[in-house]
Amino acid sequence: MPQPEPLSPDLRQFVESMGTYFERYGLARIGGRMLGLLIIADRPLSLDDIANTLDVSRASVSNNIRMIVATGLAEPFTVPGDRRDYYRFGPDTWELSLKIELDGILMLRRLGERGLAAAGPTDVVARQHLSELLEYCDLLYGDLLTSLERWRARGQAKLASGTPAAEPVSDDTRDEE
């Protein structure tokens, strides 16, 4: 595959901003930058492509790509006749991301249930906190499940109508919601 085009200053700023954004949620800044690059890439990228474009070490890219793939935010891609590994922002990334969040909430709920079962009748504070954890998990799970259903319906409607990708929502519109 040919080398990717150099990033424009605006796209480079987007990639850098993605690094800062995801760093706030525990992903290494380089991981967020890599994800930003994969989102805007017009084709799958090799580890070398990513390292060269971001001007970082291939080892750093190799370490971080595993986390990005594990979280469902990117997927491996193979090219027939090419032994290198490629990665892309997958067509179902956002749906997969919601599913992973749902699974995580269920795992947290199970932990809360185990904690509640282990707490004795005199462990009032523990029982209260664990009960609130279960309520919190139920609330999040329901909300995310609804979001997943809405996301799927949106995709089906777009597919049926042949509608192109959504236009960005302006900040003014978001404030009204």
C-alpha atoms as a PDB file:
ATOM      1  CA  MET A   1       0.000   0.000   0.000  1.00  0.00           C
ATOM      2  CA  PRO A   2       1.204   3.541  -0.666  1.00  0.00           C
ATOM      3  CA  GLN A   3       2.290   5.822   2.143  1.00  0.00           C
ATOM      4  CA  PRO A   4      -0.494   7.943   3.620  1.00  0.00           C
ATOM      5  CA  GLU A   5      -0.614  11.618   2.685  1.00  0.00           C
ATOM      6  CA  PRO A   6       0.826  14.043   5.245  1.00  0.00           C
ATOM      7  CA  LEU A   7      -1.812  15.527   7.521  1.00  0.00           C
ATOM      8  CA  SER A   8      -2.971  19.088   7.029  1.00  0.00           C
ATOM      9  CA  PRO A   9      -2.399  21.373  10.016  1.00  0.00           C
ATOM     10  CA  ASP A  10      -6.116  21.211  10.896  1.00  0.00           C
ATOM     11  CA  LEU A  11      -6.218  17.410  10.780  1.00  0.00           C
ATOM     12  CA  ARG A  12      -2.979  17.213  12.766  1.00  0.00           C
ATOM     13  CA  GLN A  13      -4.633  19.428  15.402  1.00  0.00           C
ATOM     14  CA  PHE A  14      -7.668  17.105  15.417  1.00  0.00           C
ATOM     15  CA  VAL A  15      -5.383  14.093  15.969  1.00  0.00           C
ATOM     16  CA  GLU A  16      -3.568  15.889  18.799  1.00  0.00           C
ATOM     17  CA  SER A  17      -6.885  16.867  20.397  1.00  0.00           C
ATOM     18  CA  MET A  18      -8.048  13.254  20.288  1.00  0.00           C
ATOM     19  CA  GLY A  19      -4.899  12.298  22.182  1.00  0.00           C
ATOM     20  CA  THR A  20      -5.662  14.831  24.903  1.00  0.00           C
ATOM     21  CA  TYR A  21      -9.327  13.824  25.033  1.00  0.00           C
ATOM     22  CA  PHE A  22      -8.696  10.098  25.456  1.00  0.00           C
ATOM     23  CA  GLU A  23      -5.871  10.709  27.906  1.00  0.00           C
ATOM     24  CA  ARG A  24      -8.528  12.073  30.279  1.00  0.00           C
ATOM     25  CA  TYR A  25     -10.149   8.612  30.235  1.00  0.00           C
ATOM     26  CA  GLY A  26      -7.069   6.537  30.948  1.00  0.00           C
ATOM     27  CA  LEU A  27      -5.835   5.829  27.436  1.00  0.00           C
ATOM     28  CA  ALA A  28      -2.273   6.943  26.751  1.00  0.00           C
ATOM     29  CA  ARG A  29      -2.120  10.165  24.743  1.00  0.00           C
ATOM     30  CA  ILE A  30      -0.441   8.312  21.885  1.00  0.00           C
ATOM     31  CA  GLY A  31      -3.354   5.857  21.870  1.00  0.00           C
ATOM     32  CA  GLY A  32      -5.831   8.707  21.478  1.00  0.00           C
ATOM     33  CA  ARG A  33      -3.715  10.215  18.711  1.00  0.00           C
ATOM     34  CA  MET A  34      -3.619   6.850  16.970  1.00  0.00           C
ATOM     35  CA  LEU A  35      -7.381   6.542  17.224  1.00  0.00           C
ATOM     36  CA  GLY A  36      -7.792  10.057  15.826  1.00  0.00           C
ATOM     37  CA  LEU A  37      -5.568   9.122  12.899  1.00  0.00           C
ATOM     38  CA  LEU A  38      -7.506   5.918  12.227  1.00  0.00           C
ATOM     39  CA  ILE A  39     -10.802   7.846  12.273  1.00  0.00           C
ATOM     40  CA  ILE A  40      -9.661  10.164   9.487  1.00  0.00           C
ATOM     41  CA  ALA A  41      -7.604   7.658   7.472  1.00  0.00           C
ATOM     42  CA  ASP A  42      -8.970   6.824   4.040  1.00  0.00           C
ATOM     43  CA  ARG A  43      -7.514   3.323   4.192  1.00  0.00           C
ATOM     44  CA  PRO A  44      -6.168   0.810   6.716  1.00  0.00           C
ATOM     45  CA  LEU A  45      -2.794   1.799   8.160  1.00  0.00           C
ATOM     46  CA  SER A  46       0.198  -0.341   9.080  1.00  0.00           C
ATOM     47  CA  LEU A  47       2.079   0.152  12.329  1.00  0.00           C
ATOM     48  CA  ASP A  48       4.827   1.847  10.301  1.00  0.00           C
ATOM     49  CA  ASP A  49       2.286   4.163   8.631  1.00  0.00           C
ATOM     50  CA  ILE A  50       0.955   5.193  12.037  1.00  0.00           C
ATOM     51  CA  ALA A  51       4.415   5.642  13.562  1.00  0.00           C
ATOM     52  CA  ASN A  52       5.681   7.702  10.617  1.00  0.00           C
ATOM     53  CA  THR A  53       2.590   9.892  10.384  1.00  0.00           C
ATOM     54  CA  LEU A  54       2.559  10.621  14.111  1.00  0.00           C
ATOM     55  CA  ASP A  55       6.354  10.790  14.361  1.00  0.00           C
ATOM     56  CA  VAL A  56       6.502   8.285  17.225  1.00  0.00           C
ATOM     57  CA  SER A  57       8.272   4.972  17.763  1.00  0.00           C
ATOM     58  CA  ARG A  58       6.901   1.825  16.188  1.00  0.00           C
ATOM     59  CA  ALA A  59       7.200   0.113  19.595  1.00  0.00           C
ATOM     60  CA  SER A  60       4.887   2.709  21.134  1.00  0.00           C
ATOM     61  CA  VAL A  61       2.396   2.197  18.319  1.00  0.00           C
ATOM     62  CA  SER A  62       2.618  -1.576  18.699  1.00  0.00           C
ATOM     63  CA  ASN A  63       1.946  -1.398  22.446  1.00  0.00           C
ATOM     64  CA  ASN A  64      -0.957   1.026  22.135  1.00  0.00           C
ATOM     65  CA  ILE A  65      -2.697  -0.619  19.201  1.00  0.00           C
ATOM     66  CA  ARG A  66      -3.445  -3.651  21.383  1.00  0.00           C
ATOM     67  CA  MET A  67      -5.381  -1.477  23.831  1.00  0.00           C
ATOM     68  CA  ILE A  68      -7.276   0.273  21.047  1.00  0.00           C
ATOM     69  CA  VAL A  69      -8.238  -3.037  19.450  1.00  0.00           C
ATOM     70  CA  ALA A  70      -9.194  -4.534  22.828  1.00  0.00           C
ATOM     71  CA  THR A  71     -11.556  -1.634  23.503  1.00  0.00           C
ATOM     72  CA  GLY A  72     -13.191  -2.124  20.117  1.00  0.00           C
ATOM     73  CA  LEU A  73     -12.177   1.287  18.798  1.00  0.00           C
ATOM     74  CA  ALA A  74     -10.116  -0.156  15.939  1.00  0.00           C
ATOM     75  CA  GLU A  75      -9.905  -3.466  14.177  1.00  0.00           C
ATOM     76  CA  PRO A  76      -7.118  -5.434  12.528  1.00  0.00           C
ATOM     77  CA  PHE A  77      -7.218  -5.661   8.759  1.00  0.00           C
ATOM     78  CA  THR A  78      -5.276  -7.888   6.393  1.00  0.00           C
ATOM     79  CA  VAL A  79      -4.219  -7.260   2.823  1.00  0.00           C
ATOM     80  CA  PRO A  80      -3.893 -10.354   0.628  1.00  0.00           C
ATOM     81  CA  GLY A  81      -0.234 -11.016  -0.174  1.00  0.00           C
ATOM     82  CA  ASP A  82       1.023  -8.551   2.455  1.00  0.00           C
ATOM     83  CA  ARG A  83       2.342  -9.983   5.728  1.00  0.00           C
ATOM     84  CA  ARG A  84       2.125  -6.697   7.619  1.00  0.00           C
ATOM     85  CA  ASP A  85      -0.684  -6.000  10.044  1.00  0.00           C
ATOM     86  CA  TYR A  86      -2.995  -3.126   9.223  1.00  0.00           C
ATOM     87  CA  TYR A  87      -5.582  -1.393  11.361  1.00  0.00           C
ATOM     88  CA  ARG A  88      -8.651   0.636  10.622  1.00  0.00           C
ATOM     89  CA  PHE A  89     -11.492   2.401  12.282  1.00  0.00           C
ATOM     90  CA  GLY A  90     -14.141  -0.247  11.768  1.00  0.00           C
ATOM     91  CA  PRO A  91     -17.549   0.218  10.215  1.00  0.00           C
ATOM     92  CA  ASP A  92     -19.251  -0.953  13.432  1.00  0.00           C
ATOM     93  CA  THR A  93     -16.881   0.688  15.905  1.00  0.00           C
ATOM     94  CA  TRP A  94     -19.453   2.801  17.744  1.00  0.00           C
ATOM     95  CA  GLU A  95     -21.908  -0.092  18.076  1.00  0.00           C
ATOM     96  CA  LEU A  96     -19.138  -2.359  19.321  1.00  0.00           C
ATOM     97  CA  SER A  97     -18.066   0.347  21.764  1.00  0.00           C
ATOM     98  CA  LEU A  98     -21.589   0.459  23.212  1.00  0.00           C
ATOM     99  CA  LYS A  99     -21.654  -3.343  23.504  1.00  0.00           C
ATOM    100  CA  ILE A 100     -18.329  -3.321  25.346  1.00  0.00           C
ATOM    101  CA  GLU A 101     -19.691  -0.670  27.734  1.00  0.00           C
ATOM    102  CA  LEU A 102     -22.796  -2.803  28.334  1.00  0.00           C
ATOM    103  CA  ASP A 103     -20.638  -5.840  29.089  1.00  0.00           C
ATOM    104  CA  GLY A 104     -18.537  -3.759  31.481  1.00  0.00           C
ATOM    105  CA  ILE A 105     -21.613  -2.549  33.340  1.00  0.00           C
ATOM    106  CA  LEU A 106     -22.874  -6.129  33.683  1.00  0.00           C
ATOM    107  CA  MET A 107     -19.497  -7.198  35.075  1.00  0.00           C
ATOM    108  CA  LEU A 108     -19.533  -4.322  37.567  1.00  0.00           C
ATOM    109  CA  ARG A 109     -23.089  -5.233  38.582  1.00  0.00           C
ATOM    110  CA  ARG A 110     -22.055  -8.852  39.208  1.00  0.00           C
ATOM    111  CA  LEU A 111     -19.208  -7.630  41.397  1.00  0.00           C
ATOM    112  CA  GLY A 112     -21.666  -5.457  43.309  1.00  0.00           C
ATOM    113  CA  GLU A 113     -24.000  -8.427  43.764  1.00  0.00           C
ATOM    114  CA  ARG A 114     -21.133 -10.512  45.129  1.00  0.00           C
ATOM    115  CA  GLY A 115     -20.174  -7.719  47.500  1.00  0.00           C
ATOM    116  CA  LEU A 116     -23.751  -7.353  48.674  1.00  0.00           C
ATOM    117  CA  ALA A 117     -24.025 -11.110  49.256  1.00  0.00           C
ATOM    118  CA  ALA A 118     -20.782 -11.015  51.255  1.00  0.00           C
ATOM    119  CA  ALA A 119     -21.815  -8.038  53.382  1.00  0.00           C
ATOM    120  CA  GLY A 120     -23.330  -9.008  56.678  1.00  0.00           C
ATOM    121  CA  PRO A 121     -26.565  -7.566  58.081  1.00  0.00           C
ATOM    122  CA  THR A 122     -24.604  -5.204  60.318  1.00  0.00           C
ATOM    123  CA  ASP A 123     -22.537  -3.813  57.412  1.00  0.00           C
ATOM    124  CA  VAL A 124     -25.049  -1.002  56.898  1.00  0.00           C
ATOM    125  CA  VAL A 125     -22.762   1.393  55.030  1.00  0.00           C
ATOM    126  CA  ALA A 126     -21.390  -1.326  52.756  1.00  0.00           C
ATOM    127  CA  ARG A 127     -24.911  -2.572  51.999  1.00  0.00           C
ATOM    128  CA  GLN A 128     -26.082   0.964  51.218  1.00  0.00           C
ATOM    129  CA  HIS A 129     -23.154   1.693  48.910  1.00  0.00           C
ATOM    130  CA  LEU A 130     -23.435  -1.666  47.170  1.00  0.00           C
ATOM    131  CA  SER A 131     -27.195  -1.259  46.715  1.00  0.00           C
ATOM    132  CA  GLU A 132     -26.562   2.149  45.148  1.00  0.00           C
ATOM    133  CA  LEU A 133     -23.951   0.567  42.879  1.00  0.00           C
ATOM    134  CA  LEU A 134     -26.539  -1.935  41.657  1.00  0.00           C
ATOM    135  CA  GLU A 135     -29.072   0.845  41.045  1.00  0.00           C
ATOM    136  CA  TYR A 136     -26.418   2.849  39.202  1.00  0.00           C
ATOM    137  CA  CYS A 137     -25.534  -0.148  37.021  1.00  0.00           C
ATOM    138  CA  ASP A 138     -29.203  -0.760  36.241  1.00  0.00           C
ATOM    139  CA  LEU A 139     -29.698   2.870  35.271  1.00  0.00           C
ATOM    140  CA  LEU A 140     -26.606   2.963  33.048  1.00  0.00           C
ATOM    141  CA  TYR A 141     -27.380  -0.392  31.483  1.00  0.00           C
ATOM    142  CA  GLY A 142     -30.910   0.691  30.581  1.00  0.00           C
ATOM    143  CA  ASP A 143     -29.725   4.003  29.152  1.00  0.00           C
ATOM    144  CA  LEU A 144     -26.937   2.413  27.117  1.00  0.00           C
ATOM    145  CA  LEU A 145     -29.229  -0.339  25.860  1.00  0.00           C
ATOM    146  CA  THR A 146     -31.658   2.329  24.671  1.00  0.00           C
ATOM    147  CA  SER A 147     -28.763   4.181  23.039  1.00  0.00           C
ATOM    148  CA  LEU A 148     -27.639   1.003  21.287  1.00  0.00           C
ATOM    149  CA  GLU A 149     -31.167   0.407  19.968  1.00  0.00           C
ATOM    150  CA  ARG A 150     -31.385   4.012  18.757  1.00  0.00           C
ATOM    151  CA  TRP A 151     -27.952   3.720  17.127  1.00  0.00           C
ATOM    152  CA  ARG A 152     -28.975   0.571  15.284  1.00  0.00           C
ATOM    153  CA  ALA A 153     -32.278   2.129  14.174  1.00  0.00           C
ATOM    154  CA  ARG A 154     -30.401   5.184  12.912  1.00  0.00           C
ATOM    155  CA  GLY A 155     -28.073   2.958  10.896  1.00  0.00           C
ATOM    156  CA  GLN A 156     -30.945   0.950   9.441  1.00  0.00           C
ATOM    157  CA  ALA A 157     -32.814   4.126   8.482  1.00  0.00           C
ATOM    158  CA  LYS A 158     -29.709   5.560   6.809  1.00  0.00           C
ATOM    159  CA  LEU A 159     -29.115   2.323   4.952  1.00  0.00           C
ATOM    160  CA  ALA A 160     -32.727   2.161   3.787  1.00  0.00           C
ATOM    161  CA  SER A 161     -32.758   5.770   2.602  1.00  0.00           C
ATOM    162  CA  GLY A 162     -29.225   5.894   1.229  1.00  0.00           C
ATOM    163  CA  THR A 163     -28.567   8.908   3.445  1.00  0.00           C
ATOM    164  CA  PRO A 164     -24.922  10.009   3.642  1.00  0.00           C
ATOM    165  CA  ALA A 165     -23.046  10.536   6.887  1.00  0.00           C
ATOM    166  CA  ALA A 166     -24.606  12.921   9.368  1.00  0.00           C
ATOM    167  CA  GLU A 167     -23.686  16.572   9.348  1.00  0.00           C
ATOM    168  CA  PRO A 168     -22.002  17.871  12.488  1.00  0.00           C
ATOM    169  CA  VAL A 169     -24.288  19.320  15.122  1.00  0.00           C
ATOM    170  CA  SER A 170     -23.494  22.944  15.887  1.00  0.00           C
ATOM    171  CA  ASP A 171     -22.729  23.972  19.455  1.00  0.00           C
ATOM    172  CA  ASP A 172     -25.896  26.115  19.427  1.00  0.00           C
ATOM    173  CA  THR A 173     -28.047  23.074  18.677  1.00  0.00           C
ATOM    174  CA  ARG A 174     -26.431  21.022  21.448  1.00  0.00           C
ATOM    175  CA  ASP A 175     -27.165  23.763  23.992  1.00  0.00           C
ATOM    176  CA  GLU A 176     -30.873  23.625  23.141  1.00  0.00           C
ATOM    177  CA  GLU A 177     -31.154  19.887  23.874  1.00  0.00           C
END
